[in-house]
Amino acid sequence: MNKSVTDKTLALAGIFQAVYLVDQVARRGSADPAAFETSIRSLFATTPKSAEDVYGSSRQLQTGLECLQSQLGSGDTPRNLELTRYAIGILHLERKLSKKPRNLDNIGKGIDRARRQAEHFSLTHENVVASLADTYVNSVSILTPRIMVAGEHGHLNQSANANRVRALLLSAIRSAVLWKQSGGGRLQLLFRRKAFLDEAQRLLG
């Protein structure tokens, strides 16, 4: 796996795109279909050579790159504190999962099941999303502290939306794994923030 600033920036954008979509589903009951598909597709990229292999291209992470800028930048755009909370929670859960090989093995098996389903349906078919959601429930949400998603009960109580939220959280964890594999860490978030912001701007063009 490459460990360039581009790879780290794309991995961070992957986290932010997934948690942004979680927030959209929870509050509005919907999310951008193309961005959602990119996040789900990332779960099936198990042997990438670079971060771009995971997401297809930086263009498919436009939502995440813009979110990264607003969350890490110091401009006039106010930060969404829920997204910050979700992202921190995801990074924490990834560290916990890295010490639990049984959970990781179960996640791998769950993703394989969903991949087989996707071959018959589509990446974002409700059966595939439900399968990924079950994997999250059985292998991730049993860990503490759990990520508590804030939103409209009317949306979150719908099983399809709950499944989308859980599948997206699993996608965010996949991006957190990529962040670590590309050499990312807490100190880099503190001391190399400007480098990530500059790279996000370059990728956005």
N, C-alpha and C. Protein backbone atom coordinates (compact mmCIF):
# COMPACT_ATOMS: atom_id res chain seq x y z
N MET A 1 0.84 -1.20 0.00
CA MET A 1 0.00 0.00 0.00
C MET A 1 0.87 1.25 0.00
N ASN A 2 0.57 2.16 -0.91
CA ASN A 2 1.28 3.44 -0.94
C ASN A 2 1.02 4.24 0.34
N LYS A 3 1.98 5.07 0.70
CA LYS A 3 1.84 5.87 1.93
C LYS A 3 2.05 7.35 1.64
N SER A 4 1.57 7.78 0.50
CA SER A 4 1.72 9.18 0.11
C SER A 4 0.66 10.04 0.79
N VAL A 5 0.85 11.35 0.73
CA VAL A 5 -0.14 12.26 1.29
C VAL A 5 -1.46 12.14 0.52
N THR A 6 -1.38 11.78 -0.76
CA THR A 6 -2.60 11.57 -1.54
C THR A 6 -3.40 10.40 -0.99
N ASP A 7 -2.73 9.30 -0.70
CA ASP A 7 -3.42 8.13 -0.16
C ASP A 7 -4.05 8.44 1.19
N LYS A 8 -3.32 9.13 2.04
CA LYS A 8 -3.86 9.48 3.35
C LYS A 8 -5.06 10.41 3.21
N THR A 9 -4.96 11.37 2.30
CA THR A 9 -6.05 12.33 2.12
C THR A 9 -7.30 11.63 1.59
N LEU A 10 -7.13 10.72 0.64
CA LEU A 10 -8.28 9.98 0.11
C LEU A 10 -8.91 9.10 1.17
N ALA A 11 -8.08 8.48 2.01
CA ALA A 11 -8.62 7.65 3.09
C ALA A 11 -9.43 8.49 4.07
N LEU A 12 -8.92 9.66 4.43
CA LEU A 12 -9.67 10.57 5.30
C LEU A 12 -10.97 11.00 4.64
N ALA A 13 -10.89 11.30 3.35
CA ALA A 13 -12.10 11.69 2.62
C ALA A 13 -13.10 10.55 2.59
N GLY A 14 -12.61 9.31 2.51
CA GLY A 14 -13.50 8.16 2.55
C GLY A 14 -14.25 8.07 3.86
N ILE A 15 -13.55 8.35 4.97
CA ILE A 15 -14.20 8.37 6.28
C ILE A 15 -15.26 9.46 6.32
N PHE A 16 -14.87 10.67 5.92
CA PHE A 16 -15.80 11.80 6.00
C PHE A 16 -16.98 11.64 5.05
N GLN A 17 -16.76 11.05 3.88
CA GLN A 17 -17.88 10.85 2.96
C GLN A 17 -18.89 9.89 3.58
N ALA A 18 -18.40 8.80 4.16
CA ALA A 18 -19.30 7.82 4.76
C ALA A 18 -20.09 8.41 5.92
N VAL A 19 -19.43 9.15 6.81
CA VAL A 19 -20.16 9.68 7.97
C VAL A 19 -21.08 10.83 7.57
N TYR A 20 -20.70 11.57 6.52
CA TYR A 20 -21.61 12.60 6.00
C TYR A 20 -22.89 11.96 5.48
N LEU A 21 -22.74 10.85 4.76
CA LEU A 21 -23.92 10.15 4.24
C LEU A 21 -24.74 9.55 5.37
N VAL A 22 -24.09 9.06 6.42
CA VAL A 22 -24.81 8.60 7.60
C VAL A 22 -25.71 9.70 8.14
N ASP A 23 -25.14 10.89 8.26
CA ASP A 23 -25.89 12.03 8.77
C ASP A 23 -27.05 12.39 7.85
N GLN A 24 -26.83 12.31 6.55
CA GLN A 24 -27.89 12.63 5.59
C GLN A 24 -29.04 11.63 5.68
N VAL A 25 -28.71 10.36 5.75
CA VAL A 25 -29.75 9.33 5.87
C VAL A 25 -30.52 9.50 7.17
N ALA A 26 -29.79 9.76 8.26
CA ALA A 26 -30.41 9.87 9.58
C ALA A 26 -31.32 11.09 9.68
N ARG A 27 -30.95 12.17 9.03
CA ARG A 27 -31.71 13.43 9.17
C ARG A 27 -32.71 13.66 8.04
N ARG A 28 -32.41 13.12 6.86
CA ARG A 28 -33.26 13.39 5.70
C ARG A 28 -33.91 12.15 5.11
N GLY A 29 -33.38 10.99 5.47
CA GLY A 29 -33.92 9.75 4.94
C GLY A 29 -33.42 9.42 3.55
N SER A 30 -32.40 10.14 3.08
CA SER A 30 -31.85 9.88 1.75
C SER A 30 -30.40 10.33 1.70
N ALA A 31 -29.71 9.89 0.65
CA ALA A 31 -28.31 10.28 0.46
C ALA A 31 -28.00 10.21 -1.03
N ASP A 32 -27.00 10.96 -1.45
CA ASP A 32 -26.62 10.98 -2.86
C ASP A 32 -26.28 9.56 -3.34
N PRO A 33 -26.98 9.05 -4.35
CA PRO A 33 -26.77 7.66 -4.78
C PRO A 33 -25.35 7.35 -5.24
N ALA A 34 -24.73 8.27 -5.99
CA ALA A 34 -23.38 8.01 -6.49
C ALA A 34 -22.37 7.96 -5.36
N ALA A 35 -22.47 8.89 -4.41
CA ALA A 35 -21.56 8.89 -3.26
C ALA A 35 -21.78 7.65 -2.41
N PHE A 36 -23.04 7.25 -2.25
CA PHE A 36 -23.36 6.05 -1.48
C PHE A 36 -22.75 4.81 -2.14
N GLU A 37 -22.87 4.72 -3.46
CA GLU A 37 -22.30 3.56 -4.16
C GLU A 37 -20.78 3.52 -4.01
N THR A 38 -20.13 4.67 -4.07
CA THR A 38 -18.68 4.72 -3.89
C THR A 38 -18.28 4.19 -2.52
N SER A 39 -19.01 4.59 -1.48
CA SER A 39 -18.70 4.14 -0.13
C SER A 39 -18.91 2.64 0.00
N ILE A 40 -20.00 2.12 -0.56
CA ILE A 40 -20.26 0.69 -0.49
C ILE A 40 -19.23 -0.09 -1.30
N ARG A 41 -18.90 0.41 -2.48
CA ARG A 41 -17.92 -0.26 -3.34
C ARG A 41 -16.57 -0.42 -2.63
N SER A 42 -16.22 0.55 -1.81
CA SER A 42 -14.91 0.50 -1.13
C SER A 42 -14.76 -0.74 -0.25
N LEU A 43 -15.89 -1.27 0.23
CA LEU A 43 -15.83 -2.45 1.09
C LEU A 43 -15.35 -3.69 0.34
N PHE A 44 -15.52 -3.70 -0.97
CA PHE A 44 -15.18 -4.88 -1.75
C PHE A 44 -13.79 -4.80 -2.38
N ALA A 45 -13.08 -3.71 -2.14
CA ALA A 45 -11.70 -3.55 -2.64
C ALA A 45 -10.75 -4.06 -1.56
N THR A 46 -10.47 -5.36 -1.59
CA THR A 46 -9.71 -5.98 -0.50
C THR A 46 -8.21 -6.08 -0.77
N THR A 47 -7.78 -5.92 -2.02
CA THR A 47 -6.35 -6.00 -2.31
C THR A 47 -5.90 -4.81 -3.17
N PRO A 48 -6.11 -3.60 -2.68
CA PRO A 48 -5.75 -2.41 -3.47
C PRO A 48 -4.25 -2.12 -3.40
N LYS A 49 -3.74 -1.50 -4.46
CA LYS A 49 -2.35 -1.04 -4.45
C LYS A 49 -2.25 0.41 -3.98
N SER A 50 -3.36 1.11 -4.08
CA SER A 50 -3.39 2.51 -3.66
C SER A 50 -4.79 2.85 -3.18
N ALA A 51 -4.92 3.99 -2.53
CA ALA A 51 -6.23 4.42 -2.06
C ALA A 51 -7.18 4.66 -3.23
N GLU A 52 -6.65 5.13 -4.34
CA GLU A 52 -7.51 5.39 -5.50
C GLU A 52 -8.14 4.10 -6.02
N ASP A 53 -7.44 2.97 -5.86
CA ASP A 53 -8.01 1.69 -6.25
C ASP A 53 -9.26 1.36 -5.44
N VAL A 54 -9.31 1.84 -4.22
CA VAL A 54 -10.43 1.55 -3.32
C VAL A 54 -11.68 2.30 -3.75
N TYR A 55 -11.50 3.54 -4.16
CA TYR A 55 -12.66 4.41 -4.42
C TYR A 55 -12.96 4.62 -5.91
N GLY A 56 -12.08 4.20 -6.78
CA GLY A 56 -12.28 4.39 -8.21
C GLY A 56 -11.50 5.58 -8.71
N SER A 57 -11.75 6.75 -8.16
CA SER A 57 -10.99 7.95 -8.49
C SER A 57 -11.32 9.02 -7.47
N SER A 58 -10.51 10.06 -7.43
CA SER A 58 -10.76 11.13 -6.47
C SER A 58 -12.08 11.84 -6.76
N ARG A 59 -12.51 11.84 -8.02
CA ARG A 59 -13.78 12.49 -8.37
C ARG A 59 -14.96 11.86 -7.64
N GLN A 60 -14.84 10.58 -7.36
CA GLN A 60 -15.93 9.87 -6.68
C GLN A 60 -15.94 10.14 -5.18
N LEU A 61 -14.94 10.88 -4.72
CA LEU A 61 -14.87 11.27 -3.31
C LEU A 61 -15.05 12.77 -3.15
N GLN A 62 -15.69 13.41 -4.11
CA GLN A 62 -15.86 14.86 -4.02
C GLN A 62 -16.57 15.26 -2.73
N THR A 63 -17.62 14.53 -2.38
CA THR A 63 -18.36 14.82 -1.15
C THR A 63 -17.45 14.72 0.06
N GLY A 64 -16.65 13.65 0.11
CA GLY A 64 -15.76 13.46 1.24
C GLY A 64 -14.65 14.48 1.31
N LEU A 65 -14.10 14.86 0.16
CA LEU A 65 -13.03 15.86 0.13
C LEU A 65 -13.55 17.23 0.57
N GLU A 66 -14.75 17.58 0.13
CA GLU A 66 -15.34 18.85 0.55
C GLU A 66 -15.64 18.83 2.05
N CYS A 67 -16.10 17.69 2.54
CA CYS A 67 -16.39 17.56 3.97
C CYS A 67 -15.09 17.64 4.77
N LEU A 68 -14.03 17.01 4.27
CA LEU A 68 -12.72 17.09 4.93
C LEU A 68 -12.29 18.54 5.07
N GLN A 69 -12.47 19.31 4.01
CA GLN A 69 -12.08 20.72 4.05
C GLN A 69 -12.86 21.50 5.11
N SER A 70 -14.16 21.27 5.17
CA SER A 70 -14.98 22.02 6.12
C SER A 70 -14.73 21.58 7.55
N GLN A 71 -14.39 20.30 7.75
CA GLN A 71 -14.19 19.79 9.11
C GLN A 71 -12.79 20.09 9.65
N LEU A 72 -11.79 20.08 8.78
CA LEU A 72 -10.41 20.30 9.24
C LEU A 72 -9.92 21.71 8.99
N GLY A 73 -10.62 22.45 8.15
CA GLY A 73 -10.18 23.79 7.80
C GLY A 73 -10.52 24.82 8.86
N SER A 74 -10.04 26.02 8.63
CA SER A 74 -10.27 27.11 9.59
C SER A 74 -11.01 28.27 8.93
N GLY A 75 -11.78 27.96 7.89
CA GLY A 75 -12.50 28.99 7.16
C GLY A 75 -13.79 29.39 7.86
N ASP A 76 -14.65 30.06 7.09
CA ASP A 76 -15.90 30.57 7.65
C ASP A 76 -16.97 29.50 7.78
N THR A 77 -16.82 28.38 7.07
CA THR A 77 -17.82 27.33 7.11
C THR A 77 -17.82 26.66 8.49
N PRO A 78 -18.95 26.66 9.20
CA PRO A 78 -18.98 26.05 10.52
C PRO A 78 -18.82 24.53 10.44
N ARG A 79 -18.13 23.97 11.41
CA ARG A 79 -17.95 22.52 11.45
C ARG A 79 -19.25 21.85 11.90
N ASN A 80 -19.48 20.67 11.37
CA ASN A 80 -20.58 19.83 11.82
C ASN A 80 -20.02 18.93 12.92
N LEU A 81 -20.37 19.22 14.15
CA LEU A 81 -19.79 18.49 15.28
C LEU A 81 -20.20 17.03 15.31
N GLU A 82 -21.37 16.72 14.74
CA GLU A 82 -21.78 15.31 14.68
C GLU A 82 -20.81 14.53 13.79
N LEU A 83 -20.42 15.11 12.67
CA LEU A 83 -19.49 14.42 11.77
C LEU A 83 -18.14 14.20 12.44
N THR A 84 -17.69 15.21 13.19
CA THR A 84 -16.43 15.06 13.93
C THR A 84 -16.54 13.93 14.94
N ARG A 85 -17.67 13.89 15.63
CA ARG A 85 -17.88 12.83 16.64
C ARG A 85 -17.89 11.46 15.97
N TYR A 86 -18.59 11.34 14.85
CA TYR A 86 -18.63 10.06 14.15
C TYR A 86 -17.24 9.64 13.69
N ALA A 87 -16.49 10.58 13.10
CA ALA A 87 -15.17 10.25 12.57
C ALA A 87 -14.22 9.80 13.68
N ILE A 88 -14.25 10.51 14.81
CA ILE A 88 -13.40 10.12 15.94
C ILE A 88 -13.81 8.74 16.44
N GLY A 89 -15.11 8.49 16.52
CA GLY A 89 -15.60 7.18 16.95
C GLY A 89 -15.16 6.07 16.02
N ILE A 90 -15.19 6.33 14.72
CA ILE A 90 -14.76 5.34 13.73
C ILE A 90 -13.28 5.00 13.90
N LEU A 91 -12.44 6.01 14.06
CA LEU A 91 -11.01 5.77 14.24
C LEU A 91 -10.75 4.98 15.52
N HIS A 92 -11.53 5.26 16.55
CA HIS A 92 -11.38 4.53 17.81
C HIS A 92 -11.80 3.07 17.64
N LEU A 93 -12.92 2.84 16.95
CA LEU A 93 -13.38 1.47 16.73
C LEU A 93 -12.40 0.68 15.88
N GLU A 94 -11.79 1.33 14.89
CA GLU A 94 -10.82 0.63 14.05
C GLU A 94 -9.64 0.15 14.89
N ARG A 95 -9.19 0.98 15.83
CA ARG A 95 -8.08 0.58 16.69
C ARG A 95 -8.48 -0.62 17.55
N LYS A 96 -9.72 -0.61 18.04
CA LYS A 96 -10.19 -1.75 18.84
C LYS A 96 -10.29 -3.01 17.99
N LEU A 97 -10.83 -2.86 16.78
CA LEU A 97 -10.99 -4.02 15.91
C LEU A 97 -9.65 -4.64 15.53
N SER A 98 -8.62 -3.81 15.39
CA SER A 98 -7.31 -4.32 14.99
C SER A 98 -6.74 -5.30 16.01
N LYS A 99 -7.28 -5.28 17.23
CA LYS A 99 -6.82 -6.18 18.28
C LYS A 99 -7.77 -7.35 18.49
N LYS A 100 -8.76 -7.49 17.59
CA LYS A 100 -9.76 -8.55 17.73
C LYS A 100 -9.84 -9.34 16.43
N PRO A 101 -8.92 -10.30 16.24
CA PRO A 101 -8.87 -11.04 14.98
C PRO A 101 -10.15 -11.80 14.65
N ARG A 102 -10.86 -12.27 15.67
CA ARG A 102 -12.10 -13.00 15.39
C ARG A 102 -13.14 -12.08 14.75
N ASN A 103 -13.25 -10.87 15.29
CA ASN A 103 -14.18 -9.91 14.71
C ASN A 103 -13.79 -9.56 13.28
N LEU A 104 -12.49 -9.37 13.05
CA LEU A 104 -12.02 -9.04 11.71
C LEU A 104 -12.30 -10.18 10.74
N ASP A 105 -12.13 -11.41 11.21
CA ASP A 105 -12.42 -12.57 10.36
C ASP A 105 -13.90 -12.62 10.01
N ASN A 106 -14.75 -12.34 10.99
CA ASN A 106 -16.19 -12.34 10.74
C ASN A 106 -16.59 -11.23 9.77
N ILE A 107 -15.93 -10.08 9.89
CA ILE A 107 -16.20 -8.99 8.94
C ILE A 107 -15.82 -9.41 7.53
N GLY A 108 -14.66 -10.05 7.39
CA GLY A 108 -14.24 -10.53 6.08
C GLY A 108 -15.22 -11.51 5.48
N LYS A 109 -15.73 -12.43 6.31
CA LYS A 109 -16.71 -13.41 5.82
C LYS A 109 -18.01 -12.72 5.43
N GLY A 110 -18.41 -11.72 6.23
CA GLY A 110 -19.63 -10.99 5.93
C GLY A 110 -19.53 -10.22 4.62
N ILE A 111 -18.38 -9.62 4.39
CA ILE A 111 -18.17 -8.89 3.13
C ILE A 111 -18.17 -9.85 1.95
N ASP A 112 -17.59 -11.04 2.13
CA ASP A 112 -17.61 -12.04 1.06
C ASP A 112 -19.04 -12.45 0.73
N ARG A 113 -19.88 -12.62 1.75
CA ARG A 113 -21.28 -12.97 1.50
C ARG A 113 -21.97 -11.86 0.72
N ALA A 114 -21.73 -10.63 1.13
CA ALA A 114 -22.35 -9.50 0.44
C ALA A 114 -21.84 -9.39 -1.00
N ARG A 115 -20.56 -9.70 -1.21
CA ARG A 115 -20.01 -9.65 -2.56
C ARG A 115 -20.72 -10.65 -3.46
N ARG A 116 -20.97 -11.85 -2.95
CA ARG A 116 -21.68 -12.86 -3.75
C ARG A 116 -23.09 -12.39 -4.08
N GLN A 117 -23.74 -11.74 -3.12
CA GLN A 117 -25.07 -11.21 -3.39
C GLN A 117 -25.03 -10.11 -4.44
N ALA A 118 -24.00 -9.27 -4.37
CA ALA A 118 -23.88 -8.16 -5.32
C ALA A 118 -23.70 -8.67 -6.75
N GLU A 119 -23.15 -9.87 -6.90
CA GLU A 119 -22.99 -10.44 -8.23
C GLU A 119 -24.33 -10.76 -8.87
N HIS A 120 -25.35 -11.02 -8.04
CA HIS A 120 -26.68 -11.36 -8.54
C HIS A 120 -27.60 -10.14 -8.59
N PHE A 121 -27.34 -9.16 -7.75
CA PHE A 121 -28.21 -7.98 -7.70
C PHE A 121 -27.41 -6.76 -8.18
N SER A 122 -27.06 -5.89 -7.28
CA SER A 122 -26.21 -4.73 -7.57
C SER A 122 -25.53 -4.32 -6.27
N LEU A 123 -24.53 -3.46 -6.36
CA LEU A 123 -23.77 -3.07 -5.17
C LEU A 123 -24.66 -2.47 -4.09
N THR A 124 -25.64 -1.70 -4.50
CA THR A 124 -26.47 -0.98 -3.51
C THR A 124 -27.87 -1.57 -3.38
N HIS A 125 -28.06 -2.78 -3.87
CA HIS A 125 -29.36 -3.45 -3.70
C HIS A 125 -29.64 -3.62 -2.22
N GLU A 126 -30.92 -3.56 -1.86
CA GLU A 126 -31.28 -3.61 -0.44
C GLU A 126 -30.81 -4.89 0.24
N ASN A 127 -30.74 -6.01 -0.50
CA ASN A 127 -30.26 -7.25 0.10
C ASN A 127 -28.78 -7.18 0.44
N VAL A 128 -28.00 -6.56 -0.44
CA VAL A 128 -26.56 -6.39 -0.21
C VAL A 128 -26.33 -5.46 0.97
N VAL A 129 -27.06 -4.35 0.99
CA VAL A 129 -26.92 -3.38 2.07
C VAL A 129 -27.32 -4.00 3.40
N ALA A 130 -28.40 -4.79 3.40
CA ALA A 130 -28.85 -5.45 4.63
C ALA A 130 -27.81 -6.44 5.13
N SER A 131 -27.16 -7.15 4.21
CA SER A 131 -26.12 -8.10 4.59
C SER A 131 -24.93 -7.39 5.22
N LEU A 132 -24.52 -6.27 4.64
CA LEU A 132 -23.42 -5.48 5.22
C LEU A 132 -23.82 -4.91 6.57
N ALA A 133 -25.08 -4.50 6.70
CA ALA A 133 -25.56 -3.98 7.98
C ALA A 133 -25.51 -5.06 9.05
N ASP A 134 -25.89 -6.29 8.70
CA ASP A 134 -25.82 -7.40 9.65
C ASP A 134 -24.38 -7.64 10.10
N THR A 135 -23.46 -7.53 9.17
CA THR A 135 -22.05 -7.71 9.51
C THR A 135 -21.60 -6.66 10.51
N TYR A 136 -22.05 -5.42 10.31
CA TYR A 136 -21.71 -4.35 11.26
C TYR A 136 -22.30 -4.66 12.64
N VAL A 137 -23.56 -5.05 12.67
CA VAL A 137 -24.23 -5.32 13.95
C VAL A 137 -23.53 -6.44 14.70
N ASN A 138 -23.17 -7.51 14.00
CA ASN A 138 -22.63 -8.70 14.65
C ASN A 138 -21.15 -8.60 15.00
N SER A 139 -20.41 -7.72 14.33
CA SER A 139 -18.96 -7.69 14.53
C SER A 139 -18.41 -6.36 15.00
N VAL A 140 -19.19 -5.28 14.86
CA VAL A 140 -18.68 -3.96 15.23
C VAL A 140 -19.50 -3.33 16.35
N SER A 141 -20.82 -3.34 16.22
CA SER A 141 -21.64 -2.62 17.20
C SER A 141 -21.62 -3.29 18.57
N ILE A 142 -21.05 -4.50 18.65
CA ILE A 142 -20.90 -5.15 19.96
C ILE A 142 -19.74 -4.54 20.75
N LEU A 143 -18.91 -3.75 20.08
CA LEU A 143 -17.79 -3.10 20.76
C LEU A 143 -18.24 -1.79 21.39
N THR A 144 -17.51 -1.37 22.40
CA THR A 144 -17.84 -0.10 23.07
C THR A 144 -16.67 0.88 22.93
N PRO A 145 -16.97 2.18 22.94
CA PRO A 145 -18.32 2.76 22.95
C PRO A 145 -18.96 2.68 21.58
N ARG A 146 -20.25 2.39 21.54
CA ARG A 146 -20.96 2.31 20.28
C ARG A 146 -21.16 3.71 19.70
N ILE A 147 -21.22 3.78 18.39
CA ILE A 147 -21.51 5.05 17.73
C ILE A 147 -23.02 5.26 17.74
N MET A 148 -23.45 6.29 18.42
CA MET A 148 -24.87 6.62 18.52
C MET A 148 -25.19 7.67 17.46
N VAL A 149 -26.02 7.29 16.51
CA VAL A 149 -26.35 8.18 15.39
C VAL A 149 -27.55 9.05 15.75
N ALA A 150 -27.37 10.35 15.58
CA ALA A 150 -28.45 11.30 15.85
C ALA A 150 -29.21 11.59 14.56
N GLY A 151 -30.53 11.72 14.68
CA GLY A 151 -31.32 12.01 13.49
C GLY A 151 -32.80 11.97 13.79
N GLU A 152 -33.60 11.91 12.74
CA GLU A 152 -35.05 11.86 12.88
C GLU A 152 -35.49 10.42 13.10
N HIS A 153 -36.25 10.21 14.18
CA HIS A 153 -36.69 8.84 14.49
C HIS A 153 -37.50 8.25 13.35
N GLY A 154 -38.27 9.09 12.68
CA GLY A 154 -39.08 8.60 11.58
C GLY A 154 -38.25 7.99 10.47
N HIS A 155 -37.05 8.52 10.26
CA HIS A 155 -36.14 7.96 9.25
C HIS A 155 -35.38 6.76 9.81
N LEU A 156 -34.85 6.91 11.00
CA LEU A 156 -34.01 5.85 11.57
C LEU A 156 -34.80 4.59 11.91
N ASN A 157 -36.10 4.73 12.14
CA ASN A 157 -36.92 3.57 12.46
C ASN A 157 -37.27 2.74 11.24
N GLN A 158 -37.00 3.26 10.05
CA GLN A 158 -37.23 2.49 8.83
C GLN A 158 -36.05 1.55 8.62
N SER A 159 -36.34 0.27 8.45
CA SER A 159 -35.27 -0.73 8.38
C SER A 159 -34.30 -0.45 7.23
N ALA A 160 -34.80 0.03 6.10
CA ALA A 160 -33.90 0.30 4.96
C ALA A 160 -32.90 1.39 5.31
N ASN A 161 -33.36 2.42 6.02
CA ASN A 161 -32.46 3.51 6.42
C ASN A 161 -31.48 3.05 7.49
N ALA A 162 -31.97 2.26 8.45
CA ALA A 162 -31.07 1.73 9.49
C ALA A 162 -29.98 0.87 8.85
N ASN A 163 -30.36 0.08 7.85
CA ASN A 163 -29.36 -0.74 7.15
C ASN A 163 -28.35 0.12 6.41
N ARG A 164 -28.83 1.19 5.77
CA ARG A 164 -27.90 2.08 5.06
C ARG A 164 -26.91 2.71 6.03
N VAL A 165 -27.40 3.15 7.17
CA VAL A 165 -26.53 3.77 8.17
C VAL A 165 -25.45 2.79 8.62
N ARG A 166 -25.84 1.56 8.92
CA ARG A 166 -24.86 0.57 9.41
C ARG A 166 -23.87 0.18 8.33
N ALA A 167 -24.35 0.03 7.11
CA ALA A 167 -23.43 -0.30 6.01
C ALA A 167 -22.43 0.84 5.78
N LEU A 168 -22.89 2.07 5.91
CA LEU A 168 -22.00 3.22 5.75
C LEU A 168 -20.98 3.30 6.88
N LEU A 169 -21.39 2.98 8.09
CA LEU A 169 -20.44 2.96 9.20
C LEU A 169 -19.37 1.89 8.98
N LEU A 170 -19.78 0.75 8.42
CA LEU A 170 -18.80 -0.29 8.08
C LEU A 170 -17.84 0.23 7.00
N SER A 171 -18.37 0.96 6.05
CA SER A 171 -17.53 1.56 5.01
C SER A 171 -16.55 2.56 5.62
N ALA A 172 -17.01 3.33 6.59
CA ALA A 172 -16.13 4.30 7.25
C ALA A 172 -14.98 3.58 7.96
N ILE A 173 -15.27 2.44 8.57
CA ILE A 173 -14.22 1.67 9.23
C ILE A 173 -13.23 1.13 8.20
N ARG A 174 -13.76 0.73 7.03
CA ARG A 174 -12.86 0.27 5.97
C ARG A 174 -11.88 1.40 5.57
N SER A 175 -12.39 2.62 5.50
CA SER A 175 -11.53 3.76 5.17
C SER A 175 -10.56 4.05 6.31
N ALA A 176 -10.97 3.81 7.55
CA ALA A 176 -10.07 3.99 8.69
C ALA A 176 -8.93 2.98 8.64
N VAL A 177 -9.23 1.76 8.20
CA VAL A 177 -8.18 0.76 8.00
C VAL A 177 -7.20 1.24 6.94
N LEU A 178 -7.75 1.78 5.85
CA LEU A 178 -6.91 2.31 4.78
C LEU A 178 -6.05 3.48 5.27
N TRP A 179 -6.62 4.33 6.10
CA TRP A 179 -5.89 5.44 6.71
C TRP A 179 -4.68 4.93 7.47
N LYS A 180 -4.87 3.88 8.25
CA LYS A 180 -3.75 3.30 9.00
C LYS A 180 -2.74 2.65 8.06
N GLN A 181 -3.24 1.89 7.07
CA GLN A 181 -2.34 1.21 6.14
C GLN A 181 -1.48 2.19 5.34
N SER A 182 -2.01 3.38 5.10
CA SER A 182 -1.27 4.38 4.34
C SER A 182 -0.37 5.24 5.23
N GLY A 183 -0.28 4.86 6.51
CA GLY A 183 0.63 5.55 7.42
C GLY A 183 0.00 6.65 8.24
N GLY A 184 -1.33 6.74 8.23
CA GLY A 184 -2.02 7.78 8.99
C GLY A 184 -2.07 7.47 10.48
N GLY A 185 -2.19 8.51 11.27
CA GLY A 185 -2.28 8.37 12.72
C GLY A 185 -2.74 9.66 13.35
N ARG A 186 -2.96 9.62 14.65
CA ARG A 186 -3.49 10.79 15.36
C ARG A 186 -2.55 12.00 15.28
N LEU A 187 -1.25 11.74 15.40
CA LEU A 187 -0.30 12.85 15.36
C LEU A 187 -0.32 13.55 14.00
N GLN A 188 -0.52 12.76 12.94
CA GLN A 188 -0.58 13.37 11.61
C GLN A 188 -1.79 14.28 11.47
N LEU A 189 -2.90 13.89 12.09
CA LEU A 189 -4.08 14.75 12.05
C LEU A 189 -3.82 16.08 12.75
N LEU A 190 -2.97 16.04 13.77
CA LEU A 190 -2.65 17.26 14.51
C LEU A 190 -1.64 18.13 13.78
N PHE A 191 -0.58 17.50 13.27
CA PHE A 191 0.56 18.27 12.77
C PHE A 191 0.66 18.38 11.25
N ARG A 192 -0.13 17.58 10.52
CA ARG A 192 -0.06 17.65 9.06
C ARG A 192 -1.40 18.04 8.45
N ARG A 193 -2.21 18.69 9.24
CA ARG A 193 -3.55 19.07 8.78
C ARG A 193 -3.49 19.91 7.51
N LYS A 194 -2.57 20.88 7.47
CA LYS A 194 -2.48 21.75 6.29
C LYS A 194 -2.13 20.95 5.04
N ALA A 195 -1.27 19.95 5.18
CA ALA A 195 -0.91 19.13 4.03
C ALA A 195 -2.12 18.40 3.47
N PHE A 196 -2.97 17.90 4.37
CA PHE A 196 -4.18 17.20 3.91
C PHE A 196 -5.17 18.18 3.28
N LEU A 197 -5.28 19.36 3.85
CA LEU A 197 -6.18 20.37 3.28
C LEU A 197 -5.70 20.80 1.90
N ASP A 198 -4.40 21.01 1.76
CA ASP A 198 -3.84 21.41 0.47
C ASP A 198 -4.05 20.32 -0.58
N GLU A 199 -3.86 19.06 -0.16
CA GLU A 199 -4.03 17.95 -1.10
C GLU A 199 -5.50 17.79 -1.48
N ALA A 200 -6.39 17.98 -0.52
CA ALA A 200 -7.82 17.91 -0.83
C ALA A 200 -8.20 18.97 -1.86
N GLN A 201 -7.65 20.17 -1.69
CA GLN A 201 -7.92 21.24 -2.65
C GLN A 201 -7.38 20.89 -4.04
N ARG A 202 -6.19 20.30 -4.07
CA ARG A 202 -5.61 19.91 -5.36
C ARG A 202 -6.47 18.84 -6.04
N LEU A 203 -6.92 17.87 -5.26
CA LEU A 203 -7.72 16.78 -5.82
C LEU A 203 -9.08 17.27 -6.32
N LEU A 204 -9.61 18.27 -5.64
CA LEU A 204 -10.88 18.84 -6.07
C LEU A 204 -10.73 19.71 -7.32
N GLY A 205 -9.49 20.15 -7.56
CA GLY A 205 -9.22 20.94 -8.76
C GLY A 205 -9.69 22.37 -8.62
